[in-house]
Amino acid sequence: MTAINPKSRKRKHEEIDVLDEMPENIGFHIKNGIRYLNPYWSVYRTWAKGRWIGRRLIDVFTEEFVSLSPHYAAAACKLGRIWVNCKQMTDVNYIVQHNDSIEHIGHRHEHPILDQYIRVIDNDNNILVVDKPPSMPVHPCGRYSVHTVLGMLREQRGLRGLRVVHRLDRTTSGVLLFARNAETDIKLKRTLRVGDTWHKEYLCKVEGVFPE
């Protein structure tokens, strides 16, 4: 019997949740080949992590989300933009408890990306293969949600429910595989770990004269 890594299971669950909640039909504009997304309101959802238990919620926000102003959490709490267990939390001294469900309503400003249509190399009932352009991450992270490969495939082609088999860095372009169902997802990841069926190979395109 194969043991399941609880961290892997949690990560997959979080990825699926993020995709289900990805905003749609957000306005944008193109300038000089760059795609700019209009700012929009978004709800961030998470569960209390072990290291958060027993600490003030606003302290958790300040330390865990370093991109935010140190005064932001208290202001958001007072403005009613933080919810705990489906109840609006305005108490800046609230202590995080086990199994707390935390929601934060925030104004999201995504980074711009290159305005490139994602080319599909192959697509069937099990696998989607695309040519990933540079400038966008594969899945939602940090200041990227709609401006990701998953987000743009949903925007451009209406593709949903894709499972990330492997990743390429934000600045990297190349062949990217997605599974269309759980069975294919498990099979492809298993063969990638073994490495005898398929593997990733990186090529670096440079300019100039380089020694051998």
N, C-alpha and C. Protein backbone atom coordinates (compact mmCIF):
# COMPACT_ATOMS: atom_id res chain seq x y z
N MET A 1 0.85 -1.20 0.00
CA MET A 1 0.00 0.00 0.00
C MET A 1 0.88 1.25 0.00
N THR A 2 0.62 2.16 -0.90
CA THR A 2 1.43 3.36 -1.03
C THR A 2 0.97 4.43 -0.05
N ALA A 3 1.93 4.98 0.70
CA ALA A 3 1.60 6.04 1.65
C ALA A 3 1.37 7.35 0.91
N ILE A 4 0.44 8.14 1.38
CA ILE A 4 0.12 9.43 0.78
C ILE A 4 0.70 10.54 1.64
N ASN A 5 1.48 11.39 1.02
CA ASN A 5 2.06 12.53 1.72
C ASN A 5 0.96 13.54 2.00
N PRO A 6 0.64 13.81 3.27
CA PRO A 6 -0.46 14.73 3.58
C PRO A 6 -0.22 16.13 3.04
N LYS A 7 1.06 16.54 2.95
CA LYS A 7 1.36 17.86 2.42
C LYS A 7 1.00 17.93 0.94
N SER A 8 1.29 16.84 0.20
CA SER A 8 0.96 16.81 -1.22
C SER A 8 -0.53 16.86 -1.42
N ARG A 9 -1.27 16.10 -0.59
CA ARG A 9 -2.72 16.08 -0.71
C ARG A 9 -3.29 17.46 -0.42
N LYS A 10 -2.75 18.14 0.59
CA LYS A 10 -3.23 19.47 0.94
C LYS A 10 -2.93 20.46 -0.17
N ARG A 11 -1.72 20.34 -0.76
CA ARG A 11 -1.35 21.26 -1.82
C ARG A 11 -2.27 21.11 -3.02
N LYS A 12 -2.59 19.85 -3.39
CA LYS A 12 -3.49 19.63 -4.51
C LYS A 12 -4.87 20.20 -4.21
N HIS A 13 -5.34 20.01 -2.99
CA HIS A 13 -6.66 20.52 -2.60
C HIS A 13 -6.68 22.04 -2.71
N GLU A 14 -5.60 22.69 -2.26
CA GLU A 14 -5.54 24.15 -2.32
C GLU A 14 -5.52 24.63 -3.76
N GLU A 15 -4.78 23.90 -4.64
CA GLU A 15 -4.71 24.29 -6.04
C GLU A 15 -6.10 24.22 -6.68
N ILE A 16 -6.82 23.14 -6.40
CA ILE A 16 -8.16 22.99 -6.96
C ILE A 16 -9.08 24.10 -6.48
N ASP A 17 -8.99 24.43 -5.17
CA ASP A 17 -9.82 25.50 -4.63
C ASP A 17 -9.52 26.82 -5.33
N VAL A 18 -8.23 27.10 -5.53
CA VAL A 18 -7.83 28.35 -6.17
C VAL A 18 -8.41 28.44 -7.57
N LEU A 19 -8.36 27.33 -8.31
CA LEU A 19 -8.85 27.34 -9.68
C LEU A 19 -10.36 27.52 -9.72
N ASP A 20 -11.06 26.88 -8.80
CA ASP A 20 -12.52 27.01 -8.76
C ASP A 20 -12.94 28.44 -8.49
N GLU A 21 -12.11 29.18 -7.73
CA GLU A 21 -12.48 30.53 -7.33
C GLU A 21 -11.83 31.60 -8.19
N MET A 22 -11.13 31.21 -9.24
CA MET A 22 -10.45 32.17 -10.08
C MET A 22 -11.46 33.13 -10.71
N PRO A 23 -11.25 34.44 -10.58
CA PRO A 23 -12.20 35.40 -11.13
C PRO A 23 -12.25 35.33 -12.65
N GLU A 24 -13.39 35.70 -13.21
CA GLU A 24 -13.56 35.66 -14.66
C GLU A 24 -14.07 37.00 -15.16
N ASN A 25 -13.89 37.21 -16.47
CA ASN A 25 -14.41 38.40 -17.16
C ASN A 25 -13.88 39.70 -16.55
N ILE A 26 -12.62 39.69 -16.14
CA ILE A 26 -11.99 40.91 -15.62
C ILE A 26 -11.52 41.75 -16.81
N GLY A 27 -11.80 43.05 -16.76
CA GLY A 27 -11.41 43.93 -17.85
C GLY A 27 -9.90 44.06 -17.97
N PHE A 28 -9.44 44.34 -19.18
CA PHE A 28 -8.01 44.49 -19.43
C PHE A 28 -7.79 45.41 -20.63
N HIS A 29 -6.53 45.83 -20.82
CA HIS A 29 -6.19 46.58 -22.01
C HIS A 29 -4.78 46.20 -22.45
N ILE A 30 -4.52 46.39 -23.74
CA ILE A 30 -3.24 46.04 -24.33
C ILE A 30 -2.50 47.31 -24.72
N LYS A 31 -1.23 47.39 -24.36
CA LYS A 31 -0.42 48.54 -24.75
C LYS A 31 1.00 48.07 -25.05
N ASN A 32 1.44 48.34 -26.28
CA ASN A 32 2.80 47.96 -26.71
C ASN A 32 3.10 46.48 -26.48
N GLY A 33 2.11 45.64 -26.76
CA GLY A 33 2.32 44.21 -26.65
C GLY A 33 2.25 43.66 -25.24
N ILE A 34 1.84 44.50 -24.29
CA ILE A 34 1.74 44.08 -22.89
C ILE A 34 0.27 44.08 -22.48
N ARG A 35 -0.15 43.03 -21.79
CA ARG A 35 -1.54 42.90 -21.34
C ARG A 35 -1.65 43.35 -19.89
N TYR A 36 -2.45 44.38 -19.65
CA TYR A 36 -2.66 44.92 -18.31
C TYR A 36 -4.07 44.56 -17.84
N LEU A 37 -4.16 43.96 -16.67
CA LEU A 37 -5.45 43.58 -16.12
C LEU A 37 -5.96 44.68 -15.20
N ASN A 38 -7.24 45.00 -15.30
CA ASN A 38 -7.81 46.01 -14.41
C ASN A 38 -7.84 45.47 -12.98
N PRO A 39 -7.61 46.32 -11.99
CA PRO A 39 -7.72 45.88 -10.58
C PRO A 39 -9.14 45.37 -10.30
N TYR A 40 -9.26 44.43 -9.39
CA TYR A 40 -10.57 43.84 -9.09
C TYR A 40 -10.60 43.36 -7.65
N TRP A 41 -11.81 43.22 -7.12
CA TRP A 41 -11.99 42.68 -5.78
C TRP A 41 -11.95 41.16 -5.83
N SER A 42 -11.30 40.59 -4.84
CA SER A 42 -11.18 39.13 -4.81
C SER A 42 -11.25 38.64 -3.37
N VAL A 43 -11.75 37.42 -3.18
CA VAL A 43 -11.83 36.82 -1.85
C VAL A 43 -10.76 35.75 -1.71
N TYR A 44 -9.89 35.92 -0.73
CA TYR A 44 -8.85 34.93 -0.44
C TYR A 44 -9.37 34.04 0.69
N ARG A 45 -9.33 32.74 0.49
CA ARG A 45 -9.82 31.81 1.50
C ARG A 45 -8.71 30.87 1.94
N THR A 46 -8.64 30.60 3.24
CA THR A 46 -7.65 29.66 3.76
C THR A 46 -8.12 29.11 5.09
N TRP A 47 -7.43 28.09 5.57
CA TRP A 47 -7.68 27.52 6.89
C TRP A 47 -6.51 27.85 7.79
N ALA A 48 -6.76 27.99 9.08
CA ALA A 48 -5.71 28.32 10.04
C ALA A 48 -4.62 27.25 10.02
N LYS A 49 -3.39 27.68 9.85
CA LYS A 49 -2.25 26.76 9.86
C LYS A 49 -1.75 26.60 11.29
N GLY A 50 -1.05 25.52 11.54
CA GLY A 50 -0.60 25.21 12.90
C GLY A 50 0.20 26.33 13.53
N ARG A 51 1.07 26.96 12.75
CA ARG A 51 1.93 28.02 13.30
C ARG A 51 1.15 29.30 13.61
N TRP A 52 -0.11 29.38 13.14
CA TRP A 52 -0.92 30.56 13.41
C TRP A 52 -1.68 30.46 14.72
N ILE A 53 -1.90 29.25 15.21
CA ILE A 53 -2.75 29.03 16.38
C ILE A 53 -2.21 29.78 17.60
N GLY A 54 -3.12 30.48 18.29
CA GLY A 54 -2.72 31.19 19.51
C GLY A 54 -2.14 32.57 19.26
N ARG A 55 -2.11 33.00 18.01
CA ARG A 55 -1.56 34.33 17.69
C ARG A 55 -2.68 35.26 17.23
N ARG A 56 -2.43 36.56 17.37
CA ARG A 56 -3.41 37.52 16.88
C ARG A 56 -3.50 37.44 15.36
N LEU A 57 -4.73 37.50 14.88
CA LEU A 57 -4.95 37.37 13.44
C LEU A 57 -4.21 38.46 12.66
N ILE A 58 -4.24 39.68 13.16
CA ILE A 58 -3.59 40.77 12.42
C ILE A 58 -2.07 40.60 12.42
N ASP A 59 -1.51 39.96 13.46
CA ASP A 59 -0.07 39.70 13.47
C ASP A 59 0.29 38.65 12.43
N VAL A 60 -0.59 37.66 12.29
CA VAL A 60 -0.38 36.63 11.27
C VAL A 60 -0.36 37.26 9.88
N PHE A 61 -1.32 38.14 9.61
CA PHE A 61 -1.38 38.81 8.32
C PHE A 61 -0.10 39.61 8.06
N THR A 62 0.33 40.35 9.08
CA THR A 62 1.49 41.22 8.92
C THR A 62 2.76 40.42 8.64
N GLU A 63 2.93 39.28 9.32
CA GLU A 63 4.16 38.50 9.19
C GLU A 63 4.13 37.54 8.01
N GLU A 64 2.97 36.97 7.71
CA GLU A 64 2.89 35.97 6.65
C GLU A 64 2.81 36.58 5.26
N PHE A 65 2.18 37.75 5.17
CA PHE A 65 1.99 38.38 3.87
C PHE A 65 2.81 39.66 3.83
N VAL A 66 4.10 39.48 3.55
CA VAL A 66 5.06 40.58 3.67
C VAL A 66 4.82 41.69 2.66
N SER A 67 4.05 41.40 1.60
CA SER A 67 3.79 42.44 0.60
C SER A 67 2.81 43.49 1.10
N LEU A 68 2.15 43.19 2.22
CA LEU A 68 1.17 44.12 2.76
C LEU A 68 1.82 45.10 3.73
N SER A 69 1.25 46.29 3.83
CA SER A 69 1.72 47.27 4.80
C SER A 69 1.51 46.73 6.21
N PRO A 70 2.41 47.03 7.15
CA PRO A 70 2.24 46.54 8.52
C PRO A 70 0.96 47.04 9.18
N HIS A 71 0.38 48.10 8.65
CA HIS A 71 -0.86 48.65 9.21
C HIS A 71 -2.10 48.16 8.46
N TYR A 72 -1.89 47.41 7.38
CA TYR A 72 -3.02 47.02 6.54
C TYR A 72 -3.99 46.10 7.27
N ALA A 73 -3.47 45.08 7.96
CA ALA A 73 -4.34 44.07 8.58
C ALA A 73 -5.33 44.70 9.56
N ALA A 74 -4.84 45.61 10.40
CA ALA A 74 -5.73 46.25 11.37
C ALA A 74 -6.79 47.08 10.66
N ALA A 75 -6.38 47.79 9.60
CA ALA A 75 -7.34 48.61 8.85
C ALA A 75 -8.38 47.73 8.16
N ALA A 76 -7.94 46.62 7.55
CA ALA A 76 -8.87 45.72 6.87
C ALA A 76 -9.85 45.11 7.85
N CYS A 77 -9.36 44.80 9.05
CA CYS A 77 -10.22 44.23 10.08
C CYS A 77 -11.30 45.23 10.49
N LYS A 78 -10.90 46.46 10.72
CA LYS A 78 -11.86 47.49 11.13
C LYS A 78 -12.87 47.81 10.02
N LEU A 79 -12.45 47.64 8.76
CA LEU A 79 -13.33 47.92 7.63
C LEU A 79 -14.24 46.73 7.29
N GLY A 80 -14.08 45.64 8.02
CA GLY A 80 -14.94 44.48 7.80
C GLY A 80 -14.55 43.63 6.61
N ARG A 81 -13.28 43.67 6.21
CA ARG A 81 -12.84 42.90 5.05
C ARG A 81 -12.26 41.54 5.43
N ILE A 82 -12.26 41.21 6.71
CA ILE A 82 -11.78 39.91 7.16
C ILE A 82 -12.92 39.16 7.84
N TRP A 83 -13.10 37.91 7.43
CA TRP A 83 -14.15 37.07 7.98
C TRP A 83 -13.54 35.81 8.57
N VAL A 84 -14.04 35.40 9.73
CA VAL A 84 -13.58 34.17 10.38
C VAL A 84 -14.80 33.28 10.63
N ASN A 85 -14.74 32.07 10.11
CA ASN A 85 -15.85 31.12 10.26
C ASN A 85 -17.17 31.72 9.79
N CYS A 86 -17.10 32.40 8.64
CA CYS A 86 -18.27 33.00 7.98
C CYS A 86 -18.87 34.18 8.76
N LYS A 87 -18.11 34.73 9.71
CA LYS A 87 -18.58 35.88 10.47
C LYS A 87 -17.58 37.02 10.32
N GLN A 88 -18.11 38.22 10.10
CA GLN A 88 -17.26 39.38 9.94
C GLN A 88 -16.47 39.62 11.22
N MET A 89 -15.13 39.74 11.08
CA MET A 89 -14.27 39.90 12.25
C MET A 89 -13.72 41.32 12.30
N THR A 90 -14.18 42.10 13.27
CA THR A 90 -13.71 43.47 13.42
C THR A 90 -12.86 43.64 14.68
N ASP A 91 -12.66 42.56 15.43
CA ASP A 91 -11.85 42.60 16.65
C ASP A 91 -10.38 42.43 16.28
N VAL A 92 -9.60 43.50 16.40
CA VAL A 92 -8.19 43.45 16.00
C VAL A 92 -7.37 42.56 16.93
N ASN A 93 -7.91 42.18 18.07
CA ASN A 93 -7.19 41.33 19.02
C ASN A 93 -7.63 39.87 18.96
N TYR A 94 -8.37 39.50 17.92
CA TYR A 94 -8.84 38.12 17.81
C TYR A 94 -7.66 37.15 17.72
N ILE A 95 -7.75 36.04 18.48
CA ILE A 95 -6.72 35.02 18.50
C ILE A 95 -7.14 33.85 17.61
N VAL A 96 -6.26 33.45 16.72
CA VAL A 96 -6.56 32.37 15.77
C VAL A 96 -6.73 31.05 16.52
N GLN A 97 -7.80 30.32 16.18
CA GLN A 97 -8.11 29.04 16.81
C GLN A 97 -7.94 27.89 15.79
N HIS A 98 -7.90 26.67 16.32
CA HIS A 98 -7.82 25.49 15.46
C HIS A 98 -9.03 25.46 14.51
N ASN A 99 -8.78 25.08 13.27
CA ASN A 99 -9.83 24.90 12.26
C ASN A 99 -10.56 26.18 11.88
N ASP A 100 -10.00 27.34 12.20
CA ASP A 100 -10.62 28.59 11.76
C ASP A 100 -10.60 28.67 10.23
N SER A 101 -11.74 29.06 9.69
CA SER A 101 -11.83 29.36 8.26
C SER A 101 -11.69 30.87 8.11
N ILE A 102 -10.71 31.31 7.35
CA ILE A 102 -10.40 32.74 7.26
C ILE A 102 -10.58 33.23 5.82
N GLU A 103 -11.29 34.33 5.67
CA GLU A 103 -11.49 34.94 4.36
C GLU A 103 -11.06 36.40 4.42
N HIS A 104 -10.46 36.85 3.35
CA HIS A 104 -10.01 38.24 3.27
C HIS A 104 -10.45 38.81 1.93
N ILE A 105 -11.21 39.88 1.98
CA ILE A 105 -11.67 40.55 0.77
C ILE A 105 -10.66 41.64 0.43
N GLY A 106 -9.93 41.44 -0.66
CA GLY A 106 -8.87 42.38 -1.00
C GLY A 106 -9.01 42.92 -2.42
N HIS A 107 -8.40 44.07 -2.66
CA HIS A 107 -8.38 44.67 -3.98
C HIS A 107 -7.11 44.20 -4.66
N ARG A 108 -7.26 43.42 -5.71
CA ARG A 108 -6.12 42.75 -6.32
C ARG A 108 -5.59 43.51 -7.53
N HIS A 109 -4.27 43.66 -7.58
CA HIS A 109 -3.59 44.31 -8.70
C HIS A 109 -2.57 43.31 -9.25
N GLU A 110 -2.90 42.71 -10.38
CA GLU A 110 -2.00 41.69 -10.94
C GLU A 110 -0.90 42.32 -11.79
N HIS A 111 0.24 41.62 -11.85
CA HIS A 111 1.33 42.07 -12.71
C HIS A 111 0.93 41.88 -14.18
N PRO A 112 1.40 42.75 -15.06
CA PRO A 112 1.11 42.59 -16.49
C PRO A 112 1.91 41.42 -17.09
N ILE A 113 1.46 40.94 -18.24
CA ILE A 113 2.14 39.86 -18.94
C ILE A 113 2.21 40.20 -20.43
N LEU A 114 3.00 39.44 -21.17
CA LEU A 114 3.05 39.60 -22.62
C LEU A 114 1.69 39.21 -23.21
N ASP A 115 1.25 39.96 -24.20
CA ASP A 115 -0.03 39.65 -24.84
C ASP A 115 0.20 38.58 -25.91
N GLN A 116 0.19 37.33 -25.49
CA GLN A 116 0.41 36.21 -26.40
C GLN A 116 -0.69 35.17 -26.23
N TYR A 117 -1.21 34.70 -27.36
CA TYR A 117 -2.22 33.64 -27.34
C TYR A 117 -1.51 32.32 -27.10
N ILE A 118 -2.01 31.52 -26.17
CA ILE A 118 -1.36 30.25 -25.84
C ILE A 118 -1.70 29.21 -26.91
N ARG A 119 -0.67 28.73 -27.59
CA ARG A 119 -0.86 27.76 -28.67
C ARG A 119 -1.03 26.35 -28.11
N VAL A 120 -2.06 25.67 -28.58
CA VAL A 120 -2.30 24.28 -28.17
C VAL A 120 -1.60 23.35 -29.15
N ILE A 121 -0.73 22.48 -28.62
CA ILE A 121 0.00 21.52 -29.44
C ILE A 121 -0.82 20.24 -29.64
N ASP A 122 -1.46 19.78 -28.58
CA ASP A 122 -2.28 18.57 -28.67
C ASP A 122 -3.34 18.63 -27.58
N ASN A 123 -4.48 18.04 -27.86
CA ASN A 123 -5.58 18.08 -26.90
C ASN A 123 -6.51 16.90 -27.15
N ASP A 124 -6.72 16.08 -26.13
CA ASP A 124 -7.69 14.99 -26.23
C ASP A 124 -8.41 14.85 -24.89
N ASN A 125 -9.04 13.74 -24.66
CA ASN A 125 -9.82 13.57 -23.43
C ASN A 125 -8.96 13.38 -22.19
N ASN A 126 -7.66 13.12 -22.38
CA ASN A 126 -6.78 12.84 -21.25
C ASN A 126 -5.70 13.88 -21.03
N ILE A 127 -5.17 14.44 -22.11
CA ILE A 127 -4.00 15.32 -22.01
C ILE A 127 -4.20 16.59 -22.82
N LEU A 128 -3.73 17.69 -22.27
CA LEU A 128 -3.63 18.95 -23.00
C LEU A 128 -2.16 19.35 -23.02
N VAL A 129 -1.63 19.61 -24.21
CA VAL A 129 -0.24 20.03 -24.36
C VAL A 129 -0.23 21.42 -24.98
N VAL A 130 0.45 22.36 -24.34
CA VAL A 130 0.49 23.73 -24.86
C VAL A 130 1.93 24.22 -24.95
N ASP A 131 2.10 25.28 -25.72
CA ASP A 131 3.39 25.96 -25.82
C ASP A 131 3.31 27.17 -24.89
N LYS A 132 3.87 27.04 -23.71
CA LYS A 132 3.79 28.12 -22.71
C LYS A 132 4.64 29.32 -23.12
N PRO A 133 4.03 30.50 -23.17
CA PRO A 133 4.82 31.71 -23.43
C PRO A 133 5.52 32.18 -22.15
N PRO A 134 6.55 32.99 -22.27
CA PRO A 134 7.19 33.52 -21.06
C PRO A 134 6.32 34.60 -20.42
N SER A 135 6.71 35.05 -19.26
CA SER A 135 6.12 36.18 -18.51
C SER A 135 5.00 35.79 -17.58
N MET A 136 4.43 34.59 -17.69
CA MET A 136 3.32 34.19 -16.81
C MET A 136 3.63 32.88 -16.10
N PRO A 137 3.28 32.76 -14.81
CA PRO A 137 3.44 31.48 -14.11
C PRO A 137 2.38 30.49 -14.57
N VAL A 138 2.56 29.24 -14.20
CA VAL A 138 1.63 28.19 -14.63
C VAL A 138 0.30 28.30 -13.90
N HIS A 139 0.36 28.49 -12.58
CA HIS A 139 -0.86 28.49 -11.75
C HIS A 139 -0.88 29.73 -10.86
N PRO A 140 -2.01 30.06 -10.25
CA PRO A 140 -2.11 31.24 -9.39
C PRO A 140 -1.09 31.23 -8.26
N CYS A 141 -0.40 32.36 -8.10
CA CYS A 141 0.57 32.52 -7.02
C CYS A 141 0.91 34.00 -6.92
N GLY A 142 1.15 34.47 -5.71
CA GLY A 142 1.55 35.86 -5.51
C GLY A 142 0.62 36.85 -6.19
N ARG A 143 1.18 37.69 -7.05
CA ARG A 143 0.41 38.73 -7.75
C ARG A 143 -0.13 38.25 -9.09
N TYR A 144 -0.27 36.96 -9.24
CA TYR A 144 -0.79 36.39 -10.48
C TYR A 144 -1.95 35.45 -10.17
N SER A 145 -3.05 35.62 -10.88
CA SER A 145 -4.18 34.70 -10.77
C SER A 145 -4.79 34.49 -12.15
N VAL A 146 -5.42 35.53 -12.69
CA VAL A 146 -5.91 35.47 -14.07
C VAL A 146 -4.74 35.41 -15.04
N HIS A 147 -3.70 36.18 -14.75
CA HIS A 147 -2.52 36.22 -15.62
C HIS A 147 -1.59 35.04 -15.36
N THR A 148 -2.13 33.85 -15.54
CA THR A 148 -1.38 32.60 -15.43
C THR A 148 -1.76 31.74 -16.64
N VAL A 149 -1.02 30.66 -16.85
CA VAL A 149 -1.37 29.78 -17.96
C VAL A 149 -2.78 29.21 -17.76
N LEU A 150 -3.07 28.76 -16.54
CA LEU A 150 -4.40 28.23 -16.26
C LEU A 150 -5.48 29.29 -16.45
N GLY A 151 -5.19 30.50 -15.98
CA GLY A 151 -6.16 31.58 -16.10
C GLY A 151 -6.40 31.98 -17.55
N MET A 152 -5.32 32.05 -18.34
CA MET A 152 -5.47 32.47 -19.73
C MET A 152 -6.10 31.38 -20.59
N LEU A 153 -5.84 30.10 -20.26
CA LEU A 153 -6.51 29.03 -20.98
C LEU A 153 -8.01 29.06 -20.72
N ARG A 154 -8.38 29.46 -19.53
CA ARG A 154 -9.80 29.61 -19.22
C ARG A 154 -10.37 30.82 -19.96
N GLU A 155 -9.63 31.92 -19.97
CA GLU A 155 -10.10 33.14 -20.64
C GLU A 155 -10.17 32.95 -22.16
N GLN A 156 -9.10 32.38 -22.73
CA GLN A 156 -8.99 32.30 -24.19
C GLN A 156 -9.76 31.15 -24.81
N ARG A 157 -9.81 30.01 -24.10
CA ARG A 157 -10.37 28.80 -24.70
C ARG A 157 -11.47 28.14 -23.88
N GLY A 158 -11.78 28.70 -22.72
CA GLY A 158 -12.84 28.13 -21.89
C GLY A 158 -12.48 26.78 -21.28
N LEU A 159 -11.17 26.49 -21.17
CA LEU A 159 -10.72 25.21 -20.62
C LEU A 159 -10.69 25.27 -19.10
N ARG A 160 -11.31 24.29 -18.46
CA ARG A 160 -11.40 24.24 -17.00
C ARG A 160 -11.03 22.85 -16.50
N GLY A 161 -10.81 22.76 -15.20
CA GLY A 161 -10.56 21.47 -14.59
C GLY A 161 -9.23 20.85 -14.97
N LEU A 162 -8.29 21.65 -15.44
CA LEU A 162 -6.98 21.12 -15.82
C LEU A 162 -6.14 20.83 -14.58
N ARG A 163 -5.36 19.77 -14.64
CA ARG A 163 -4.50 19.38 -13.53
C ARG A 163 -3.04 19.60 -13.93
N VAL A 164 -2.31 20.30 -13.08
CA VAL A 164 -0.92 20.64 -13.37
C VAL A 164 -0.04 19.40 -13.19
N VAL A 165 0.55 18.93 -14.27
CA VAL A 165 1.43 17.75 -14.21
C VAL A 165 2.84 18.16 -13.81
N HIS A 166 3.33 19.24 -14.39
CA HIS A 166 4.66 19.77 -14.05
C HIS A 166 4.62 21.27 -14.26
N ARG A 167 5.66 21.95 -13.84
CA ARG A 167 5.69 23.40 -13.91
C ARG A 167 6.88 23.89 -14.72
N LEU A 168 6.74 25.08 -15.25
CA LEU A 168 7.84 25.82 -15.83
C LEU A 168 7.86 27.19 -15.16
N ASP A 169 9.04 27.73 -14.92
CA ASP A 169 9.15 29.03 -14.26
C ASP A 169 8.45 30.11 -15.08
N ARG A 170 8.12 31.18 -14.40
CA ARG A 170 7.38 32.28 -15.03
C ARG A 170 8.07 32.78 -16.30
N THR A 171 9.39 32.94 -16.27
CA THR A 171 10.11 33.50 -17.41
C THR A 171 10.47 32.46 -18.46
N THR A 172 10.16 31.20 -18.20
CA THR A 172 10.51 30.10 -19.10
C THR A 172 9.37 29.81 -20.07
N SER A 173 9.72 29.58 -21.33
CA SER A 173 8.73 29.17 -22.33
C SER A 173 9.00 27.72 -22.71
N GLY A 174 7.98 27.06 -23.29
CA GLY A 174 8.20 25.69 -23.73
C GLY A 174 6.98 24.81 -23.57
N VAL A 175 7.19 23.52 -23.81
CA VAL A 175 6.10 22.54 -23.78
C VAL A 175 5.63 22.32 -22.35
N LEU A 176 4.32 22.37 -22.17
CA LEU A 176 3.72 22.22 -20.84
C LEU A 176 2.55 21.25 -20.94
N LEU A 177 2.52 20.27 -20.03
CA LEU A 177 1.47 19.25 -20.05
C LEU A 177 0.48 19.45 -18.92
N PHE A 178 -0.79 19.24 -19.25
CA PHE A 178 -1.86 19.21 -18.24
C PHE A 178 -2.64 17.91 -18.41
N ALA A 179 -3.09 17.36 -17.29
CA ALA A 179 -3.96 16.19 -17.34
C ALA A 179 -5.41 16.65 -17.32
N ARG A 180 -6.28 15.91 -18.03
CA ARG A 180 -7.68 16.27 -18.08
C ARG A 180 -8.51 15.51 -17.05
N ASN A 181 -7.89 14.55 -16.35
CA ASN A 181 -8.60 13.78 -15.33
C ASN A 181 -7.61 13.25 -14.31
N ALA A 182 -8.11 12.77 -13.18
CA ALA A 182 -7.26 12.35 -12.06
C ALA A 182 -6.39 11.15 -12.43
N GLU A 183 -6.94 10.20 -13.17
CA GLU A 183 -6.18 8.99 -13.52
C GLU A 183 -4.95 9.33 -14.37
N THR A 184 -5.14 10.19 -15.36
CA THR A 184 -4.02 10.60 -16.21
C THR A 184 -3.01 11.42 -15.43
N ASP A 185 -3.49 12.25 -14.53
CA ASP A 185 -2.62 13.07 -13.69
C ASP A 185 -1.66 12.19 -12.89
N ILE A 186 -2.18 11.17 -12.24
CA ILE A 186 -1.35 10.26 -11.44
C ILE A 186 -0.36 9.51 -12.32
N LYS A 187 -0.82 9.04 -13.47
CA LYS A 187 0.03 8.27 -14.37
C LYS A 187 1.20 9.10 -14.89
N LEU A 188 0.92 10.32 -15.34
CA LEU A 188 1.96 11.17 -15.90
C LEU A 188 2.99 11.58 -14.85
N LYS A 189 2.53 11.90 -13.65
CA LYS A 189 3.46 12.29 -12.59
C LYS A 189 4.34 11.12 -12.17
N ARG A 190 3.77 9.92 -12.18
CA ARG A 190 4.56 8.74 -11.82
C ARG A 190 5.66 8.49 -12.86
N THR A 191 5.31 8.59 -14.14
CA THR A 191 6.31 8.36 -15.18
C THR A 191 7.36 9.46 -15.21
N LEU A 192 6.98 10.69 -14.85
CA LEU A 192 7.95 11.78 -14.79
C LEU A 192 8.97 11.53 -13.69
N ARG A 193 8.51 11.02 -12.54
CA ARG A 193 9.43 10.73 -11.43
C ARG A 193 10.42 9.63 -11.81
N VAL A 194 9.94 8.62 -12.52
CA VAL A 194 10.81 7.52 -12.94
C VAL A 194 11.81 8.01 -13.99
N GLY A 195 11.32 8.79 -14.94
CA GLY A 195 12.20 9.42 -15.92
C GLY A 195 12.55 8.58 -17.13
N ASP A 196 12.01 7.35 -17.26
CA ASP A 196 12.37 6.52 -18.41
C ASP A 196 11.40 6.67 -19.58
N THR A 197 10.24 7.28 -19.33
CA THR A 197 9.25 7.47 -20.40
C THR A 197 9.35 8.87 -21.00
N TRP A 198 9.45 9.85 -20.15
CA TRP A 198 9.61 11.23 -20.61
C TRP A 198 10.30 12.03 -19.53
N HIS A 199 10.92 13.13 -19.92
CA HIS A 199 11.62 13.98 -18.97
C HIS A 199 11.64 15.41 -19.51
N LYS A 200 11.98 16.33 -18.65
CA LYS A 200 12.08 17.73 -19.06
C LYS A 200 13.53 18.04 -19.46
N GLU A 201 13.67 18.82 -20.51
CA GLU A 201 15.00 19.24 -20.95
C GLU A 201 14.96 20.74 -21.24
N TYR A 202 15.88 21.48 -20.64
CA TYR A 202 15.90 22.93 -20.78
C TYR A 202 16.98 23.35 -21.79
N LEU A 203 16.63 24.28 -22.66
CA LEU A 203 17.57 24.86 -23.60
C LEU A 203 17.66 26.35 -23.33
N CYS A 204 18.87 26.87 -23.36
CA CYS A 204 19.09 28.30 -23.10
C CYS A 204 19.57 28.96 -24.39
N LYS A 205 18.82 29.93 -24.86
CA LYS A 205 19.19 30.67 -26.06
C LYS A 205 19.95 31.93 -25.64
N VAL A 206 21.19 32.05 -26.12
CA VAL A 206 22.04 33.16 -25.70
C VAL A 206 22.51 33.96 -26.91
N GLU A 207 23.04 35.13 -26.64
CA GLU A 207 23.56 35.99 -27.69
C GLU A 207 25.01 36.33 -27.36
N GLY A 208 25.90 36.21 -28.34
CA GLY A 208 27.30 36.50 -28.10
C GLY A 208 28.17 35.27 -28.30
N VAL A 209 29.44 35.37 -27.94
CA VAL A 209 30.39 34.26 -28.08
C VAL A 209 30.72 33.73 -26.70
N PHE A 210 30.46 32.43 -26.48
CA PHE A 210 30.68 31.83 -25.17
C PHE A 210 31.70 30.70 -25.30
N PRO A 211 32.56 30.56 -24.31
CA PRO A 211 33.55 29.46 -24.36
C PRO A 211 32.86 28.11 -24.22
N GLU A 212 33.48 27.07 -24.74
CA GLU A 212 32.91 25.72 -24.65
C GLU A 212 33.00 25.20 -23.22
